[in-house]
Amino acid sequence: MSVSRPAAVIVLAAGEGTRMKSKLPKVLHEICGRSMLGHVLAASAELDPERVVVVVGHGRDQVTQHLKDVAPGVGTAVQDRQNGTGHAVRMAVDALRAEGVTLSGTVVLAYGDTPLLRGETLSDLVAAHESAGNAVTVLSAKVPDPAGYGRVVRDAGGAFTEIVEHADATEEQRAVDEINSGMYAFDGALLSDVVNRLSTDNAKGEEYITDAVAILRGDGHPVDAAVARDWVEIQGVNDRVQLAEARRLLNDRLLTRIMRAGATVVDPATTWIDAEVEVGRDAVIEPQVQLQGATVVGEGAHVGPGALLRDTRVGAEAAVSHTVAHEAIIGAEATVGPYAYLRPGATLDRGAKVGTYVEVKNATVGEGSKVPHLTYVGDADIGRGVNIGASSVFVNYDGVNKHRTTIGDHARTGSDNTFVAPVGVGDGAYTGAGTVVREDVPPGALAVSAGHQQRNIDGWVRRKRPGTPAADAAQRADEAGGASEG
């Protein structure tokens, strides 16, 4: 059955969550790269509702700012006093009315602390609700331990009759394993009316949305419950232990998805990925790997062991081992590590190599170029086919401003070099071991430094390294320079 576009999704996120023992509002705690609330909003978005309203209360400034950052199209309703779930829904309905919205279709109610909820489960709920023409449809689940939950009671024919809270249930009703998740699909017009009829005549003096089910059934409207396929989805997170349990379950789900799509995960127990991570076919993820944020791993790439990549792109057939990378681009067939650090703006072209104890920041390493050992490359552009000697430092900061270094194609720089930016090394040039490069090195020259003075030996590469890519590059650069002068 095709599902119509819901009029609204209401997400309750006003509670304090005292059992989290945190300054951060409960629904903002992170799990697999998103806040718990973010996961619920992602599931809700799959329904393509006309409106999404989040009811905020405790820590509402933080929650509202978070929504502006991750879901700017989502509206909010304020519940100043946490006076029950029914009261929270009424605040959302009133906020929609204030916008001139008439709820004439299906309205879905969800909770901001259920990060395992999937969009397809909400879609199934809406489909069951609309196919039966119900006033309200309860999302229920069959759980292994129903203690503490409200039970869904059915008659001998299996028809829904009522929801009975655990404390009020008989022994026979407590044996029922179908429980109320607290999530519903409502007829919007009926919901707009029934939220104004909820009573506070109960032990806590609060308005409960559960009572709406009994009221609508008492009015003669059809009411039913739809059973979720996987009971773990409806679990709310109330403390740090449950947060860790939910993270493990969600991580397993995400890993299963990429394995079913053709990637190999060697040890799922030690591999962690975020919800927005993409992994291509025939990629291999070794143990102790964390893929965070919007990281993308290309087809046939090999990541790990011991890699932590955040918002990083790994090209096809690349290899990354024991590496930390943030907002980096690793080209196809490139190799990184072990023990490398790629900071934001690091870009490795096809076949480039960044090796052991190398740090790269806001720099490009050209196609086939190598930075193999013990080097810092900051604010630099390294051309094609370059080799950077061990223990080199690109000195990019003068104490006030950052400057860039440029290394030309097929250059060869010696070990223990220092490049004092802004400076350039020409195509095919060489630098001697221990050189401090303070002045530009012409194409094909050899730069050496003794004491405080640098000496460039023009034409050294073509004389001493004839027939090499460096000599050829220097020749081309000299010819291009001569042509421009003429």
Protein backbone atom coordinates (compact mmCIF):
# COMPACT_ATOMS: atom_id res chain seq x y z
CA MET A 1 0.00 0.00 0.00
CA SER A 2 1.25 3.49 -0.81
CA VAL A 3 1.53 5.77 2.19
CA SER A 4 0.25 9.32 2.00
CA ARG A 5 2.35 12.23 3.14
CA PRO A 6 1.68 12.77 6.86
CA ALA A 7 0.40 16.17 7.90
CA ALA A 8 2.94 16.29 10.71
CA VAL A 9 5.40 14.39 12.86
CA ILE A 10 5.52 15.50 16.49
CA VAL A 11 8.68 14.57 18.40
CA LEU A 12 8.65 14.87 22.17
CA ALA A 13 12.03 16.10 23.46
CA ALA A 14 11.22 18.25 26.49
CA GLY A 15 12.26 15.93 29.32
CA GLU A 16 15.22 16.57 31.58
CA GLY A 17 16.62 13.04 31.53
CA THR A 18 17.92 13.17 35.10
CA ARG A 19 19.25 9.61 34.96
CA MET A 20 21.82 10.67 32.35
CA LYS A 21 23.44 12.82 35.07
CA SER A 22 24.57 15.33 32.49
CA LYS A 23 24.52 19.07 31.77
CA LEU A 24 23.65 18.15 28.20
CA PRO A 25 19.95 17.57 27.47
CA LYS A 26 19.30 13.85 27.11
CA VAL A 27 18.18 13.95 23.49
CA LEU A 28 21.45 15.65 22.43
CA HIS A 29 23.69 12.82 23.54
CA GLU A 30 25.57 11.43 20.56
CA ILE A 31 25.25 7.96 19.11
CA CYS A 32 26.98 6.89 15.88
CA GLY A 33 27.57 10.40 14.63
CA ARG A 34 24.20 11.95 15.39
CA SER A 35 22.35 13.09 18.46
CA MET A 36 19.58 10.76 19.60
CA LEU A 37 17.13 13.42 18.44
CA GLY A 38 18.95 13.57 15.10
CA HIS A 39 18.34 9.86 14.53
CA VAL A 40 14.62 10.26 15.20
CA LEU A 41 14.44 13.23 12.85
CA ALA A 42 16.24 11.21 10.16
CA ALA A 43 13.69 8.41 10.54
CA SER A 44 10.84 10.92 10.45
CA ALA A 45 12.21 12.58 7.32
CA GLU A 46 11.76 9.32 5.41
CA LEU A 47 7.99 9.91 5.65
CA ASP A 48 8.37 13.30 3.95
CA PRO A 49 5.88 14.94 6.35
CA GLU A 50 4.49 18.39 5.67
CA ARG A 51 5.59 19.56 9.12
CA VAL A 52 7.94 18.32 11.83
CA VAL A 53 7.54 19.84 15.29
CA VAL A 54 9.90 19.12 18.18
CA VAL A 55 8.52 19.84 21.64
CA VAL A 56 11.32 21.39 23.72
CA GLY A 57 11.49 22.16 27.40
CA HIS A 58 14.51 21.32 29.53
CA GLY A 59 17.64 22.82 27.96
CA ARG A 60 15.49 24.24 25.20
CA ASP A 61 18.08 26.81 24.10
CA GLN A 62 20.60 24.04 23.46
CA VAL A 63 18.05 21.82 21.71
CA THR A 64 16.76 24.71 19.59
CA GLN A 65 20.28 25.67 18.52
CA HIS A 66 21.02 22.04 17.67
CA LEU A 67 17.93 21.94 15.47
CA LYS A 68 19.06 25.11 13.67
CA ASP A 69 22.39 23.40 12.97
CA VAL A 70 21.19 19.97 11.83
CA ALA A 71 17.54 20.41 10.78
CA PRO A 72 16.76 24.07 10.09
CA GLY A 73 13.37 23.27 8.57
CA VAL A 74 12.05 21.71 11.78
CA GLY A 75 9.70 23.75 13.98
CA THR A 76 9.54 23.84 17.76
CA ALA A 77 6.88 24.06 20.43
CA VAL A 78 7.71 24.97 24.02
CA GLN A 79 6.52 22.98 27.01
CA ASP A 80 7.44 25.23 29.93
CA ARG A 81 6.09 22.80 32.50
CA GLN A 82 6.68 19.11 31.90
CA ASN A 83 3.07 18.19 32.62
CA GLY A 84 2.82 14.87 30.81
CA THR A 85 2.95 13.52 27.29
CA GLY A 86 -0.59 14.66 26.49
CA HIS A 87 0.24 18.20 27.54
CA ALA A 88 3.37 18.12 25.33
CA VAL A 89 1.34 17.02 22.31
CA ARG A 90 -1.18 19.77 23.02
CA MET A 91 1.66 22.33 22.96
CA ALA A 92 2.68 21.03 19.51
CA VAL A 93 -0.90 21.16 18.20
CA ASP A 94 -1.31 24.70 19.57
CA ALA A 95 1.95 25.76 17.87
CA LEU A 96 0.73 24.40 14.55
CA ARG A 97 -2.62 26.16 14.98
CA ALA A 98 -0.76 29.41 15.65
CA GLU A 99 0.91 28.97 12.26
CA GLY A 100 -2.48 28.55 10.65
CA VAL A 101 -1.96 24.82 10.04
CA THR A 102 -5.07 22.65 9.92
CA LEU A 103 -4.26 19.05 10.75
CA SER A 104 -6.31 17.17 8.20
CA GLY A 105 -4.13 14.12 7.58
CA THR A 106 -2.12 11.64 9.61
CA VAL A 107 -0.07 12.90 12.54
CA VAL A 108 2.74 10.70 13.85
CA LEU A 109 3.95 10.95 17.44
CA ALA A 110 7.53 9.89 18.25
CA TYR A 111 10.10 10.42 21.02
CA GLY A 112 13.50 12.09 20.83
CA ASP A 113 15.24 9.44 22.94
CA THR A 114 14.60 6.44 20.64
CA PRO A 115 17.67 6.49 18.36
CA LEU A 116 17.11 2.96 17.04
CA LEU A 117 13.80 3.89 15.42
CA ARG A 118 13.78 3.35 11.63
CA GLY A 119 11.88 5.23 8.98
CA GLU A 120 10.43 2.03 7.56
CA THR A 121 8.86 1.24 10.93
CA LEU A 122 7.10 4.60 10.96
CA SER A 123 6.06 4.01 7.35
CA ASP A 124 4.58 0.63 8.31
CA LEU A 125 2.70 2.32 11.17
CA VAL A 126 1.22 4.96 8.87
CA ALA A 127 0.28 2.31 6.29
CA ALA A 128 -1.51 0.17 8.89
CA HIS A 129 -3.25 3.23 10.29
CA GLU A 130 -4.53 4.53 6.96
CA SER A 131 -5.48 1.16 5.49
CA ALA A 132 -7.72 0.48 8.51
CA GLY A 133 -9.11 4.02 8.65
CA ASN A 134 -8.28 4.25 12.35
CA ALA A 135 -8.64 7.26 14.59
CA VAL A 136 -5.41 6.23 16.27
CA THR A 137 -3.01 3.36 15.77
CA VAL A 138 -0.61 2.41 18.54
CA LEU A 139 2.90 1.29 17.64
CA SER A 140 3.33 -1.80 19.78
CA ALA A 141 6.09 -4.39 20.11
CA LYS A 142 6.48 -7.89 21.45
CA VAL A 143 9.32 -7.83 23.95
CA PRO A 144 11.15 -10.56 25.89
CA ASP A 145 10.62 -8.74 29.20
CA PRO A 146 7.48 -6.55 29.31
CA ALA A 147 7.82 -5.61 32.99
CA GLY A 148 7.11 -1.93 33.58
CA TYR A 149 5.49 -1.32 30.20
CA GLY A 150 1.84 -0.68 29.46
CA ARG A 151 0.29 -3.83 27.95
CA VAL A 152 -1.72 -3.92 24.74
CA VAL A 153 -4.82 -5.95 25.57
CA ARG A 154 -6.70 -7.74 22.79
CA ASP A 155 -9.92 -9.79 22.80
CA ALA A 156 -10.21 -13.47 21.90
CA GLY A 157 -10.36 -12.55 18.21
CA GLY A 158 -7.14 -10.51 18.40
CA ALA A 159 -8.87 -7.11 18.22
CA PHE A 160 -7.38 -4.25 20.24
CA THR A 161 -9.37 -3.38 23.35
CA GLU A 162 -7.21 -1.21 25.63
CA ILE A 163 -3.82 -0.27 27.03
CA VAL A 164 -3.32 -1.22 30.66
CA GLU A 165 -0.41 0.17 32.64
CA HIS A 166 1.78 -2.38 34.40
CA ALA A 167 0.79 -1.20 37.87
CA ASP A 168 -2.90 -1.60 37.04
CA ALA A 169 -2.64 -4.91 35.15
CA THR A 170 -3.94 -8.23 36.38
CA GLU A 171 -1.64 -11.24 36.55
CA GLU A 172 -3.12 -12.47 33.28
CA GLN A 173 -2.52 -9.10 31.62
CA ARG A 174 1.04 -8.94 32.96
CA ALA A 175 1.75 -12.15 31.11
CA VAL A 176 1.06 -10.35 27.82
CA ASP A 177 4.30 -9.60 25.93
CA GLU A 178 2.86 -6.97 23.56
CA ILE A 179 3.62 -3.53 24.95
CA ASN A 180 2.82 0.08 24.09
CA SER A 181 5.82 1.93 22.66
CA GLY A 182 4.22 5.33 23.32
CA MET A 183 4.37 6.14 19.61
CA TYR A 184 1.20 6.60 17.57
CA ALA A 185 -0.38 7.54 14.27
CA PHE A 186 -3.41 9.80 14.77
CA ASP A 187 -6.11 11.21 12.57
CA GLY A 188 -5.02 14.85 12.74
CA ALA A 189 -8.49 16.39 13.05
CA LEU A 190 -9.44 14.01 15.87
CA LEU A 191 -6.11 14.60 17.63
CA SER A 192 -6.71 18.38 17.55
CA ASP A 193 -9.93 17.80 19.45
CA VAL A 194 -8.92 15.04 21.86
CA VAL A 195 -5.83 16.83 23.26
CA ASN A 196 -8.22 19.38 24.78
CA ARG A 197 -10.18 16.63 26.54
CA LEU A 198 -7.34 14.99 28.45
CA SER A 199 -7.75 14.85 32.20
CA THR A 200 -5.22 15.36 34.99
CA ASP A 201 -7.23 13.12 37.29
CA ASN A 202 -4.42 10.70 38.07
CA ALA A 203 -1.73 10.14 40.68
CA LYS A 204 0.74 12.57 39.06
CA GLY A 205 -1.83 15.16 38.02
CA GLU A 206 -0.51 15.08 34.43
CA GLU A 207 -2.07 14.82 30.99
CA TYR A 208 -1.23 11.51 29.31
CA ILE A 209 -1.52 10.90 25.59
CA THR A 210 -2.38 7.29 26.40
CA ASP A 211 -5.77 8.53 27.61
CA ALA A 212 -6.50 9.81 24.09
CA VAL A 213 -6.67 6.21 22.89
CA ALA A 214 -9.40 5.34 25.42
CA ILE A 215 -11.32 8.57 24.71
CA LEU A 216 -11.36 8.01 20.95
CA ARG A 217 -12.36 4.39 21.36
CA GLY A 218 -15.09 5.45 23.76
CA ASP A 219 -16.37 7.87 21.11
CA GLY A 220 -16.82 4.89 18.79
CA HIS A 221 -13.83 5.52 16.57
CA PRO A 222 -11.74 2.56 15.34
CA VAL A 223 -8.53 2.09 17.31
CA ASP A 224 -5.85 -0.56 16.78
CA ALA A 225 -2.20 -1.45 17.40
CA ALA A 226 0.45 -2.26 14.78
CA VAL A 227 3.32 -4.47 15.92
CA ALA A 228 6.86 -3.28 15.09
CA ARG A 229 9.01 -5.83 13.30
CA ASP A 230 11.95 -5.38 15.69
CA TRP A 231 11.20 -4.60 19.31
CA VAL A 232 14.61 -3.02 19.98
CA GLU A 233 13.63 0.00 17.88
CA ILE A 234 11.14 1.27 20.40
CA GLN A 235 13.55 1.27 23.34
CA GLY A 236 14.09 4.65 24.94
CA VAL A 237 17.50 5.64 26.32
CA ASN A 238 17.41 6.87 29.90
CA ASP A 239 20.97 6.52 31.21
CA ARG A 240 24.56 6.04 30.07
CA VAL A 241 24.33 2.26 30.23
CA GLN A 242 21.34 2.22 27.88
CA LEU A 243 23.12 4.72 25.64
CA ALA A 244 26.07 2.34 25.27
CA GLU A 245 23.73 -0.58 24.61
CA ALA A 246 21.90 1.39 21.92
CA ARG A 247 25.20 2.44 20.34
CA ARG A 248 26.30 -1.18 20.11
CA LEU A 249 23.00 -2.24 18.52
CA LEU A 250 23.01 0.64 16.04
CA ASN A 251 26.66 0.05 15.14
CA ASP A 252 25.90 -3.61 14.44
CA ARG A 253 23.04 -2.53 12.18
CA LEU A 254 25.28 -0.12 10.28
CA LEU A 255 28.04 -2.68 9.86
CA THR A 256 25.56 -5.26 8.63
CA ARG A 257 24.38 -2.79 6.01
CA ILE A 258 27.85 -2.21 4.55
CA MET A 259 28.72 -5.90 4.65
CA ARG A 260 25.51 -6.79 2.82
CA ALA A 261 26.50 -4.18 0.23
CA GLY A 262 29.82 -5.91 -0.46
CA ALA A 263 32.41 -4.61 2.02
CA THR A 264 34.48 -6.83 4.31
CA VAL A 265 34.59 -6.01 8.02
CA VAL A 266 37.22 -8.25 9.57
CA ASP A 267 36.21 -7.75 13.20
CA PRO A 268 32.79 -6.13 13.73
CA ALA A 269 33.30 -6.20 17.50
CA THR A 270 36.10 -3.60 17.29
CA THR A 271 34.89 -1.60 14.28
CA TRP A 272 32.76 1.51 14.76
CA ILE A 273 31.10 3.58 12.06
CA ASP A 274 28.72 6.53 12.02
CA ALA A 275 25.33 6.65 10.37
CA GLU A 276 26.44 8.78 7.40
CA VAL A 277 29.53 6.73 6.53
CA GLU A 278 29.68 5.14 3.06
CA VAL A 279 31.85 2.14 2.23
CA GLY A 280 32.29 0.81 -1.31
CA ARG A 281 32.27 -2.74 -2.60
CA ASP A 282 35.32 -4.91 -1.94
CA ALA A 283 36.67 -2.42 0.59
CA VAL A 284 38.32 -4.11 3.59
CA ILE A 285 37.95 -2.67 7.08
CA GLU A 286 40.48 -4.12 9.51
CA PRO A 287 40.11 -4.34 13.32
CA GLN A 288 40.20 -1.27 15.59
CA VAL A 289 38.90 1.12 12.93
CA GLN A 290 36.61 4.12 13.56
CA LEU A 291 34.91 5.77 10.59
CA GLN A 292 33.21 8.95 11.73
CA GLY A 293 31.09 11.76 10.34
CA ALA A 294 30.61 11.76 6.57
CA THR A 295 33.62 9.57 5.78
CA VAL A 296 33.54 7.79 2.40
CA VAL A 297 35.67 4.72 1.65
CA GLY A 298 36.00 3.88 -2.03
CA GLU A 299 35.80 0.51 -3.76
CA GLY A 300 38.63 -1.86 -3.00
CA ALA A 301 40.22 0.43 -0.43
CA HIS A 302 41.94 -1.07 2.60
CA VAL A 303 41.50 0.75 5.91
CA GLY A 304 43.22 -0.25 9.13
CA PRO A 305 44.08 -1.66 11.43
CA GLY A 306 43.91 1.13 13.97
CA ALA A 307 42.64 3.99 11.80
CA LEU A 308 40.41 6.86 12.90
CA LEU A 309 38.95 8.78 9.96
CA ARG A 310 36.52 11.68 10.36
CA ASP A 311 34.84 13.42 7.40
CA THR A 312 37.54 11.94 5.17
CA ARG A 313 37.37 10.57 1.61
CA VAL A 314 39.42 7.48 0.79
CA GLY A 315 39.80 6.75 -2.92
CA ALA A 316 39.46 3.41 -4.66
CA GLU A 317 42.24 0.90 -3.94
CA ALA A 318 43.91 3.23 -1.42
CA ALA A 319 45.50 1.81 1.74
CA VAL A 320 45.38 3.50 5.15
CA SER A 321 46.93 2.02 8.30
CA HIS A 322 47.19 3.28 11.90
CA THR A 323 46.26 6.79 10.81
CA VAL A 324 44.25 9.69 12.18
CA ALA A 325 42.63 11.82 9.47
CA HIS A 326 40.20 14.73 9.80
CA GLU A 327 38.60 16.35 6.73
CA ALA A 328 41.23 14.91 4.42
CA ILE A 329 41.11 13.58 0.86
CA ILE A 330 43.10 10.43 0.11
CA GLY A 331 43.29 9.76 -3.61
CA ALA A 332 42.90 6.48 -5.44
CA GLU A 333 45.77 4.02 -4.91
CA ALA A 334 47.41 6.32 -2.34
CA THR A 335 49.02 4.84 0.78
CA VAL A 336 48.98 6.40 4.23
CA GLY A 337 50.69 5.31 7.42
CA PRO A 338 51.43 3.68 9.64
CA TYR A 339 51.19 6.40 12.27
CA ALA A 340 50.36 9.33 10.00
CA TYR A 341 48.23 12.36 10.84
CA LEU A 342 46.20 14.06 8.11
CA ARG A 343 44.69 17.32 9.31
CA PRO A 344 41.96 19.39 7.60
CA GLY A 345 42.83 20.38 4.06
CA ALA A 346 45.26 17.51 3.48
CA THR A 347 44.85 16.21 -0.10
CA LEU A 348 46.75 13.26 -1.53
CA ASP A 349 46.51 12.74 -5.27
CA ARG A 350 46.48 9.36 -7.01
CA GLY A 351 49.27 7.06 -5.90
CA ALA A 352 50.75 9.48 -3.37
CA LYS A 353 52.40 8.17 -0.23
CA VAL A 354 52.41 9.66 3.26
CA GLY A 355 54.39 7.45 5.57
CA THR A 356 55.40 6.89 9.17
CA TYR A 357 55.17 9.81 11.59
CA VAL A 358 54.24 12.29 8.88
CA GLU A 359 51.79 15.13 9.55
CA VAL A 360 50.07 16.94 6.67
CA LYS A 361 47.93 20.06 7.09
CA ASN A 362 46.26 22.21 4.43
CA ALA A 363 48.60 20.81 1.81
CA THR A 364 48.50 18.87 -1.45
CA VAL A 365 50.76 15.93 -2.20
CA GLY A 366 50.81 15.41 -5.96
CA GLU A 367 50.30 12.27 -8.00
CA GLY A 368 52.90 9.62 -7.24
CA SER A 369 54.78 11.84 -4.77
CA LYS A 370 56.18 10.48 -1.52
CA VAL A 371 56.58 11.92 1.95
CA PRO A 372 57.81 8.73 3.58
CA HIS A 373 59.19 9.53 7.04
CA LEU A 374 59.18 11.86 10.04
CA THR A 375 58.05 15.03 8.31
CA TYR A 376 55.69 17.96 8.85
CA VAL A 377 54.05 19.35 5.69
CA GLY A 378 51.96 22.42 6.45
CA ASP A 379 50.47 24.88 3.94
CA ALA A 380 52.28 23.45 0.93
CA ASP A 381 51.77 22.32 -2.64
CA ILE A 382 53.93 19.37 -3.64
CA GLY A 383 53.95 18.53 -7.34
CA ARG A 384 53.98 15.20 -9.18
CA GLY A 385 56.65 12.56 -8.72
CA VAL A 386 58.37 14.31 -5.82
CA ASN A 387 60.32 12.66 -3.03
CA ILE A 388 60.60 14.53 0.28
CA GLY A 389 63.53 13.43 2.43
CA ALA A 390 63.10 12.21 5.99
CA SER A 391 62.90 14.61 8.95
CA SER A 392 61.90 17.61 6.87
CA VAL A 393 59.87 20.56 8.13
CA PHE A 394 57.76 22.99 6.14
CA VAL A 395 58.03 26.14 8.25
CA ASN A 396 54.71 27.78 7.46
CA TYR A 397 54.25 30.24 10.34
CA ASP A 398 56.27 33.42 10.96
CA GLY A 399 54.63 34.13 14.28
CA VAL A 400 51.93 36.30 12.72
CA ASN A 401 50.87 34.84 9.36
CA LYS A 402 50.85 31.50 7.58
CA HIS A 403 52.74 31.16 4.29
CA ARG A 404 52.90 28.47 1.61
CA THR A 405 55.71 26.41 0.15
CA THR A 406 55.67 25.05 -3.40
CA ILE A 407 57.68 22.05 -4.51
CA GLY A 408 57.78 21.52 -8.29
CA ASP A 409 57.26 18.30 -10.24
CA HIS A 410 59.89 15.56 -9.88
CA ALA A 411 61.93 17.50 -7.35
CA ARG A 412 64.10 15.59 -4.87
CA THR A 413 64.64 17.11 -1.45
CA GLY A 414 67.24 15.82 0.97
CA SER A 415 66.79 14.61 4.51
CA ASP A 416 66.56 17.07 7.37
CA ASN A 417 65.50 19.96 5.14
CA THR A 418 63.76 23.06 6.40
CA PHE A 419 61.60 25.03 3.97
CA VAL A 420 61.07 28.55 5.30
CA ALA A 421 57.87 29.79 3.64
CA PRO A 422 57.09 31.57 1.46
CA VAL A 423 59.50 29.69 -0.78
CA GLY A 424 59.49 27.57 -3.92
CA VAL A 425 61.56 24.69 -5.22
CA GLY A 426 61.46 24.44 -9.01
CA ASP A 427 60.64 21.48 -11.23
CA GLY A 428 63.33 18.84 -11.16
CA ALA A 429 65.42 20.65 -8.54
CA TYR A 430 67.37 18.91 -5.77
CA THR A 431 68.20 20.05 -2.25
CA GLY A 432 71.06 18.68 -0.20
CA ALA A 433 70.76 17.01 3.16
CA GLY A 434 70.40 19.45 6.02
CA THR A 435 69.59 22.38 3.76
CA VAL A 436 67.63 25.33 5.10
CA VAL A 437 65.77 26.62 2.05
CA ARG A 438 65.13 30.34 2.49
CA GLU A 439 65.21 31.41 -1.16
CA ASP A 440 63.56 30.01 -4.26
CA VAL A 441 65.43 27.17 -5.96
CA PRO A 442 65.43 27.40 -9.77
CA PRO A 443 64.31 24.39 -11.84
CA GLY A 444 67.05 21.79 -12.12
CA ALA A 445 69.31 23.47 -9.54
CA LEU A 446 70.85 21.87 -6.47
CA ALA A 447 70.33 23.91 -3.29
CA VAL A 448 72.73 23.47 -0.39
CA SER A 449 73.32 25.66 2.62
CA ALA A 450 76.45 26.19 4.65
CA GLY A 451 76.36 28.45 7.67
CA HIS A 452 73.72 31.07 7.04
CA GLN A 453 74.03 31.39 3.27
CA GLN A 454 72.28 29.29 0.64
CA ARG A 455 74.04 28.48 -2.64
CA ASN A 456 72.17 27.36 -5.80
CA ILE A 457 74.22 25.32 -8.30
CA ASP A 458 72.48 25.93 -11.59
CA GLY A 459 72.15 23.04 -14.03
CA TRP A 460 73.35 20.48 -11.48
CA VAL A 461 70.49 18.03 -12.07
CA ARG A 462 70.88 17.89 -15.86
CA ARG A 463 74.63 17.35 -15.52
CA LYS A 464 74.59 14.86 -12.66
CA ARG A 465 71.20 13.16 -13.14
CA PRO A 466 70.75 13.01 -16.92
CA GLY A 467 67.80 11.02 -18.25
CA THR A 468 65.91 11.09 -14.96
CA PRO A 469 62.37 12.48 -14.63
CA ALA A 470 63.88 15.34 -12.61
CA ALA A 471 66.26 16.26 -15.43
CA ASP A 472 63.49 16.07 -17.99
CA ALA A 473 61.25 18.29 -15.87
CA ALA A 474 64.05 20.82 -15.41
CA GLN A 475 64.71 20.82 -19.18
CA ARG A 476 61.04 21.52 -19.90
CA ALA A 477 60.96 24.30 -17.33
CA ASP A 478 64.11 25.91 -18.77
CA GLU A 479 62.72 25.75 -22.28
CA ALA A 480 59.42 27.24 -21.15
CA GLY A 481 61.30 30.01 -19.34
CA GLY A 482 63.43 30.78 -22.37
CA ALA A 483 60.40 30.92 -24.61
CA SER A 484 58.66 33.36 -22.31
CA GLU A 485 61.73 35.61 -22.16
CA GLY A 486 61.96 35.63 -25.95
